[in-house]
Amino acid sequence: MKFVFVFAILMAACSEDGFIQLDPDSGTDSDSDSDGDSGADAGTDDGYIDTDCSDVDQICDTPPADHCSADQTTVIEYSGDATCTDGVCNYSTNTEVCDYKCVETETEQLPVYCMPEQCEGIVCDHSNPDLETDMDYDRCGGDSALELVEDTGYCWLTSEDELKCGYPFLETILCPNSCVEVEDGDDYCI
């Protein structure tokens, strides 16, 4: 019996659009709000806060691309967490101030990073074997899988102050027969 009574109270408190009305004039027409209009902001003063933009059919699931600040001193990364205000998505950001400078790369997995000063002028395109590691080439990932890396990489400084190039992982492909390992070069499928 208590359940039926609580259910009836909640049903009476809900508006036509399913939101619980908390303002004292909740009996007003749901197509207009307390400021008397029936335009785009109608319903926004009905006692609830639209934090997910459901009133304007806005979905906040596409953050902007990570990038460098205009003066190239800071990495700006966006998370998928967003709030919506007046139909505009506002994403959370993380920032990292760089010791030398921020660089935007051509790579998908590392689009922006803090580059050390020693890397100035270094091009990572597999053309300098002294900067490469075994992980910088396409490599076998088992008998019949080939793990591909990006053609263009980024320069980094090891903990021993050595310059190296890094190449982000791109994808894994299955070889028709097997994968052949090559020393100091790209492995390949046969």
C-alpha atoms as a PDB file:
ATOM      1  CA  MET A   1       0.000   0.000   0.000  1.00  0.00           C
ATOM      2  CA  LYS A   2       2.870   2.408   0.826  1.00  0.00           C
ATOM      3  CA  PHE A   3       4.398   1.719  -2.603  1.00  0.00           C
ATOM      4  CA  VAL A   4       1.202   2.719  -4.420  1.00  0.00           C
ATOM      5  CA  PHE A   5       0.974   5.946  -2.393  1.00  0.00           C
ATOM      6  CA  VAL A   6       4.634   6.941  -3.072  1.00  0.00           C
ATOM      7  CA  PHE A   7       4.221   6.068  -6.753  1.00  0.00           C
ATOM      8  CA  ALA A   8       1.094   8.233  -6.987  1.00  0.00           C
ATOM      9  CA  ILE A   9       2.909  11.201  -5.400  1.00  0.00           C
ATOM     10  CA  LEU A  10       5.840  10.874  -7.822  1.00  0.00           C
ATOM     11  CA  MET A  11       3.514  10.608 -10.809  1.00  0.00           C
ATOM     12  CA  ALA A  12       1.661  13.721  -9.712  1.00  0.00           C
ATOM     13  CA  ALA A  13       4.950  15.625  -9.349  1.00  0.00           C
ATOM     14  CA  CYS A  14       6.253  14.699 -12.811  1.00  0.00           C
ATOM     15  CA  SER A  15       5.722  16.950 -15.779  1.00  0.00           C
ATOM     16  CA  GLU A  16       4.673  15.778 -19.219  1.00  0.00           C
ATOM     17  CA  ASP A  17       8.369  15.470 -20.266  1.00  0.00           C
ATOM     18  CA  GLY A  18       9.171  13.120 -17.352  1.00  0.00           C
ATOM     19  CA  PHE A  19      11.161  15.495 -15.138  1.00  0.00           C
ATOM     20  CA  ILE A  20      10.161  16.110 -11.522  1.00  0.00           C
ATOM     21  CA  GLN A  21       8.978  19.672 -11.081  1.00  0.00           C
ATOM     22  CA  LEU A  22      10.559  21.406  -8.098  1.00  0.00           C
ATOM     23  CA  ASP A  23       9.415  24.981  -8.572  1.00  0.00           C
ATOM     24  CA  PRO A  24       6.300  26.273  -6.840  1.00  0.00           C
ATOM     25  CA  ASP A  25       4.394  26.997 -10.053  1.00  0.00           C
ATOM     26  CA  SER A  26       4.855  23.465 -11.394  1.00  0.00           C
ATOM     27  CA  GLY A  27       1.293  23.461 -12.647  1.00  0.00           C
ATOM     28  CA  THR A  28       2.159  25.853 -15.488  1.00  0.00           C
ATOM     29  CA  ASP A  29       2.021  24.760 -19.082  1.00  0.00           C
ATOM     30  CA  SER A  30       5.156  22.700 -19.864  1.00  0.00           C
ATOM     31  CA  ASP A  31       5.592  24.492 -23.219  1.00  0.00           C
ATOM     32  CA  SER A  32       6.460  27.780 -21.571  1.00  0.00           C
ATOM     33  CA  ASP A  33       8.765  28.604 -18.707  1.00  0.00           C
ATOM     34  CA  SER A  34       8.585  31.097 -15.876  1.00  0.00           C
ATOM     35  CA  ASP A  35       9.875  33.917 -18.051  1.00  0.00           C
ATOM     36  CA  GLY A  36       6.777  33.482 -20.220  1.00  0.00           C
ATOM     37  CA  ASP A  37       8.347  32.448 -23.504  1.00  0.00           C
ATOM     38  CA  SER A  38       8.012  29.286 -25.505  1.00  0.00           C
ATOM     39  CA  GLY A  39      11.277  29.610 -27.467  1.00  0.00           C
ATOM     40  CA  ALA A  40      14.512  27.591 -27.411  1.00  0.00           C
ATOM     41  CA  ASP A  41      14.991  28.075 -23.681  1.00  0.00           C
ATOM     42  CA  ALA A  42      11.428  27.065 -22.814  1.00  0.00           C
ATOM     43  CA  GLY A  43      11.465  24.507 -20.064  1.00  0.00           C
ATOM     44  CA  THR A  44      14.832  25.520 -18.641  1.00  0.00           C
ATOM     45  CA  ASP A  45      13.280  27.145 -15.569  1.00  0.00           C
ATOM     46  CA  ASP A  46      11.081  24.130 -14.804  1.00  0.00           C
ATOM     47  CA  GLY A  47      13.066  23.075 -11.725  1.00  0.00           C
ATOM     48  CA  TYR A  48      15.762  20.909 -13.283  1.00  0.00           C
ATOM     49  CA  ILE A  49      19.203  21.632 -14.721  1.00  0.00           C
ATOM     50  CA  ASP A  50      19.937  20.310 -18.190  1.00  0.00           C
ATOM     51  CA  THR A  51      23.573  19.232 -17.755  1.00  0.00           C
ATOM     52  CA  ASP A  52      23.566  16.797 -20.665  1.00  0.00           C
ATOM     53  CA  CYS A  53      21.925  19.039 -23.303  1.00  0.00           C
ATOM     54  CA  SER A  54      18.998  16.665 -23.706  1.00  0.00           C
ATOM     55  CA  ASP A  55      16.728  19.667 -24.361  1.00  0.00           C
ATOM     56  CA  VAL A  56      18.678  20.562 -27.497  1.00  0.00           C
ATOM     57  CA  ASP A  57      19.614  17.033 -28.668  1.00  0.00           C
ATOM     58  CA  GLN A  58      23.329  17.773 -28.122  1.00  0.00           C
ATOM     59  CA  ILE A  59      25.620  14.773 -27.488  1.00  0.00           C
ATOM     60  CA  CYS A  60      29.005  15.574 -25.935  1.00  0.00           C
ATOM     61  CA  ASP A  61      31.159  12.648 -27.046  1.00  0.00           C
ATOM     62  CA  THR A  62      33.645  14.224 -29.476  1.00  0.00           C
ATOM     63  CA  PRO A  63      36.346  16.214 -27.662  1.00  0.00           C
ATOM     64  CA  PRO A  64      38.598  18.531 -29.683  1.00  0.00           C
ATOM     65  CA  ALA A  65      41.978  17.198 -30.832  1.00  0.00           C
ATOM     66  CA  ASP A  66      44.847  17.519 -28.380  1.00  0.00           C
ATOM     67  CA  HIS A  67      47.123  20.377 -29.395  1.00  0.00           C
ATOM     68  CA  CYS A  68      49.866  22.782 -28.382  1.00  0.00           C
ATOM     69  CA  SER A  69      49.179  26.186 -26.926  1.00  0.00           C
ATOM     70  CA  ALA A  70      49.639  29.101 -29.347  1.00  0.00           C
ATOM     71  CA  ASP A  71      53.090  29.887 -27.894  1.00  0.00           C
ATOM     72  CA  GLN A  72      54.133  26.188 -28.123  1.00  0.00           C
ATOM     73  CA  THR A  73      54.946  25.923 -24.407  1.00  0.00           C
ATOM     74  CA  THR A  74      52.085  23.741 -23.226  1.00  0.00           C
ATOM     75  CA  VAL A  75      50.425  20.463 -24.239  1.00  0.00           C
ATOM     76  CA  ILE A  76      46.630  20.694 -24.015  1.00  0.00           C
ATOM     77  CA  GLU A  77      44.850  17.332 -23.833  1.00  0.00           C
ATOM     78  CA  TYR A  78      41.084  16.851 -23.725  1.00  0.00           C
ATOM     79  CA  SER A  79      39.330  14.061 -21.862  1.00  0.00           C
ATOM     80  CA  GLY A  80      36.022  12.547 -22.855  1.00  0.00           C
ATOM     81  CA  ASP A  81      34.376  14.042 -19.755  1.00  0.00           C
ATOM     82  CA  ALA A  82      32.112  16.897 -20.752  1.00  0.00           C
ATOM     83  CA  THR A  83      29.348  19.075 -19.457  1.00  0.00           C
ATOM     84  CA  CYS A  84      26.865  20.893 -21.601  1.00  0.00           C
ATOM     85  CA  THR A  85      25.778  24.460 -21.025  1.00  0.00           C
ATOM     86  CA  ASP A  86      23.366  26.278 -23.325  1.00  0.00           C
ATOM     87  CA  GLY A  87      23.904  23.675 -26.037  1.00  0.00           C
ATOM     88  CA  VAL A  88      27.714  23.930 -25.926  1.00  0.00           C
ATOM     89  CA  CYS A  89      29.933  21.013 -24.878  1.00  0.00           C
ATOM     90  CA  ASN A  90      32.690  21.886 -22.411  1.00  0.00           C
ATOM     91  CA  TYR A  91      35.406  19.207 -22.131  1.00  0.00           C
ATOM     92  CA  SER A  92      37.807  18.689 -19.252  1.00  0.00           C
ATOM     93  CA  THR A  93      41.430  19.495 -20.091  1.00  0.00           C
ATOM     94  CA  ASN A  94      44.801  18.415 -18.785  1.00  0.00           C
ATOM     95  CA  THR A  95      47.820  20.612 -19.432  1.00  0.00           C
ATOM     96  CA  GLU A  96      51.546  19.927 -19.283  1.00  0.00           C
ATOM     97  CA  VAL A  97      54.048  22.768 -19.416  1.00  0.00           C
ATOM     98  CA  CYS A  98      57.016  21.753 -21.580  1.00  0.00           C
ATOM     99  CA  ASP A  99      60.646  22.322 -20.575  1.00  0.00           C
ATOM    100  CA  TYR A 100      61.544  23.190 -24.176  1.00  0.00           C
ATOM    101  CA  LYS A 101      58.565  23.222 -26.527  1.00  0.00           C
ATOM    102  CA  CYS A 102      55.352  21.513 -27.523  1.00  0.00           C
ATOM    103  CA  VAL A 103      55.236  19.761 -30.902  1.00  0.00           C
ATOM    104  CA  GLU A 104      52.258  18.514 -32.891  1.00  0.00           C
ATOM    105  CA  THR A 105      53.095  15.342 -34.828  1.00  0.00           C
ATOM    106  CA  GLU A 106      51.646  13.527 -37.803  1.00  0.00           C
ATOM    107  CA  THR A 107      51.032  10.396 -35.729  1.00  0.00           C
ATOM    108  CA  GLU A 108      47.600   9.255 -34.621  1.00  0.00           C
ATOM    109  CA  GLN A 109      48.610   7.764 -31.279  1.00  0.00           C
ATOM    110  CA  LEU A 110      50.849  10.637 -30.151  1.00  0.00           C
ATOM    111  CA  PRO A 111      49.473  13.758 -31.849  1.00  0.00           C
ATOM    112  CA  VAL A 112      51.184  16.177 -29.454  1.00  0.00           C
ATOM    113  CA  TYR A 113      54.058  15.938 -26.944  1.00  0.00           C
ATOM    114  CA  CYS A 114      56.780  17.888 -25.148  1.00  0.00           C
ATOM    115  CA  MET A 115      59.927  17.670 -27.265  1.00  0.00           C
ATOM    116  CA  PRO A 116      63.333  17.975 -25.565  1.00  0.00           C
ATOM    117  CA  GLU A 117      65.667  20.690 -26.874  1.00  0.00           C
ATOM    118  CA  GLN A 118      68.190  18.079 -28.054  1.00  0.00           C
ATOM    119  CA  CYS A 119      65.634  16.836 -30.600  1.00  0.00           C
ATOM    120  CA  GLU A 120      65.498  20.127 -32.503  1.00  0.00           C
ATOM    121  CA  GLY A 121      66.122  19.364 -36.180  1.00  0.00           C
ATOM    122  CA  ILE A 122      65.891  15.562 -35.782  1.00  0.00           C
ATOM    123  CA  VAL A 123      63.631  13.876 -38.353  1.00  0.00           C
ATOM    124  CA  CYS A 124      62.241  10.476 -37.420  1.00  0.00           C
ATOM    125  CA  ASP A 125      61.490   8.687 -40.679  1.00  0.00           C
ATOM    126  CA  HIS A 126      63.568   5.479 -40.348  1.00  0.00           C
ATOM    127  CA  SER A 127      66.468   7.163 -42.176  1.00  0.00           C
ATOM    128  CA  ASN A 128      68.924   7.240 -39.237  1.00  0.00           C
ATOM    129  CA  PRO A 129      69.666   3.749 -37.808  1.00  0.00           C
ATOM    130  CA  ASP A 130      71.492   5.262 -34.811  1.00  0.00           C
ATOM    131  CA  LEU A 131      68.187   6.659 -33.553  1.00  0.00           C
ATOM    132  CA  GLU A 132      66.157   3.496 -34.085  1.00  0.00           C
ATOM    133  CA  THR A 133      65.391   0.666 -31.658  1.00  0.00           C
ATOM    134  CA  ASP A 134      64.050  -2.817 -32.381  1.00  0.00           C
ATOM    135  CA  MET A 135      60.572  -1.560 -31.544  1.00  0.00           C
ATOM    136  CA  ASP A 136      60.735   1.134 -34.248  1.00  0.00           C
ATOM    137  CA  TYR A 137      60.160  -1.217 -37.171  1.00  0.00           C
ATOM    138  CA  ASP A 138      57.242  -3.299 -38.379  1.00  0.00           C
ATOM    139  CA  ARG A 139      57.668  -6.486 -36.374  1.00  0.00           C
ATOM    140  CA  CYS A 140      56.330 -10.003 -36.207  1.00  0.00           C
ATOM    141  CA  GLY A 141      53.786 -10.514 -33.485  1.00  0.00           C
ATOM    142  CA  GLY A 142      53.792 -14.295 -33.662  1.00  0.00           C
ATOM    143  CA  ASP A 143      54.118 -16.746 -36.541  1.00  0.00           C
ATOM    144  CA  SER A 144      51.515 -15.165 -38.792  1.00  0.00           C
ATOM    145  CA  ALA A 145      50.897 -11.614 -37.549  1.00  0.00           C
ATOM    146  CA  LEU A 146      52.728  -8.419 -38.464  1.00  0.00           C
ATOM    147  CA  GLU A 147      52.535  -5.383 -36.176  1.00  0.00           C
ATOM    148  CA  LEU A 148      52.832  -2.190 -38.204  1.00  0.00           C
ATOM    149  CA  VAL A 149      54.176   1.131 -36.892  1.00  0.00           C
ATOM    150  CA  GLU A 150      53.737   4.641 -38.263  1.00  0.00           C
ATOM    151  CA  ASP A 151      56.194   5.769 -40.980  1.00  0.00           C
ATOM    152  CA  THR A 152      56.758   9.103 -39.235  1.00  0.00           C
ATOM    153  CA  GLY A 153      57.758   9.168 -35.595  1.00  0.00           C
ATOM    154  CA  TYR A 154      58.869  11.518 -32.866  1.00  0.00           C
ATOM    155  CA  CYS A 155      62.185  12.213 -31.140  1.00  0.00           C
ATOM    156  CA  TRP A 156      62.654  11.517 -27.426  1.00  0.00           C
ATOM    157  CA  LEU A 157      65.442  11.497 -24.883  1.00  0.00           C
ATOM    158  CA  THR A 158      66.219   8.308 -22.931  1.00  0.00           C
ATOM    159  CA  SER A 159      67.049   8.320 -19.219  1.00  0.00           C
ATOM    160  CA  GLU A 160      70.712   7.962 -20.297  1.00  0.00           C
ATOM    161  CA  ASP A 161      70.386  11.187 -22.365  1.00  0.00           C
ATOM    162  CA  GLU A 162      70.448   9.341 -25.705  1.00  0.00           C
ATOM    163  CA  LEU A 163      68.303  10.602 -28.581  1.00  0.00           C
ATOM    164  CA  LYS A 164      65.921   8.012 -30.008  1.00  0.00           C
ATOM    165  CA  CYS A 165      63.022   7.946 -32.421  1.00  0.00           C
ATOM    166  CA  GLY A 166      59.706   6.437 -31.442  1.00  0.00           C
ATOM    167  CA  TYR A 167      57.080   5.181 -33.866  1.00  0.00           C
ATOM    168  CA  PRO A 168      53.559   4.620 -32.555  1.00  0.00           C
ATOM    169  CA  PHE A 169      51.827   1.305 -33.215  1.00  0.00           C
ATOM    170  CA  LEU A 170      49.475   1.497 -36.199  1.00  0.00           C
ATOM    171  CA  GLU A 171      47.758  -1.892 -36.596  1.00  0.00           C
ATOM    172  CA  THR A 172      48.231  -5.664 -36.694  1.00  0.00           C
ATOM    173  CA  ILE A 173      47.685  -7.565 -39.937  1.00  0.00           C
ATOM    174  CA  LEU A 174      47.523 -11.303 -40.492  1.00  0.00           C
ATOM    175  CA  CYS A 175      50.096 -12.765 -42.883  1.00  0.00           C
ATOM    176  CA  PRO A 176      48.859 -15.218 -45.533  1.00  0.00           C
ATOM    177  CA  ASN A 177      51.595 -17.736 -44.648  1.00  0.00           C
ATOM    178  CA  SER A 178      54.030 -16.485 -42.031  1.00  0.00           C
ATOM    179  CA  CYS A 179      55.970 -13.485 -40.789  1.00  0.00           C
ATOM    180  CA  VAL A 180      59.695 -13.113 -41.519  1.00  0.00           C
ATOM    181  CA  GLU A 181      61.930 -11.351 -38.994  1.00  0.00           C
ATOM    182  CA  VAL A 182      64.641  -8.983 -40.252  1.00  0.00           C
ATOM    183  CA  GLU A 183      67.455  -7.588 -38.112  1.00  0.00           C
ATOM    184  CA  ASP A 184      67.567  -3.752 -38.144  1.00  0.00           C
ATOM    185  CA  GLY A 185      64.667  -3.347 -40.535  1.00  0.00           C
ATOM    186  CA  ASP A 186      60.980  -3.992 -41.106  1.00  0.00           C
ATOM    187  CA  ASP A 187      59.777  -7.556 -40.684  1.00  0.00           C
ATOM    188  CA  TYR A 188      57.414  -8.665 -43.449  1.00  0.00           C
ATOM    189  CA  CYS A 189      54.710 -11.154 -44.426  1.00  0.00           C
ATOM    190  CA  ILE A 190      55.071 -13.972 -46.955  1.00  0.00           C
END
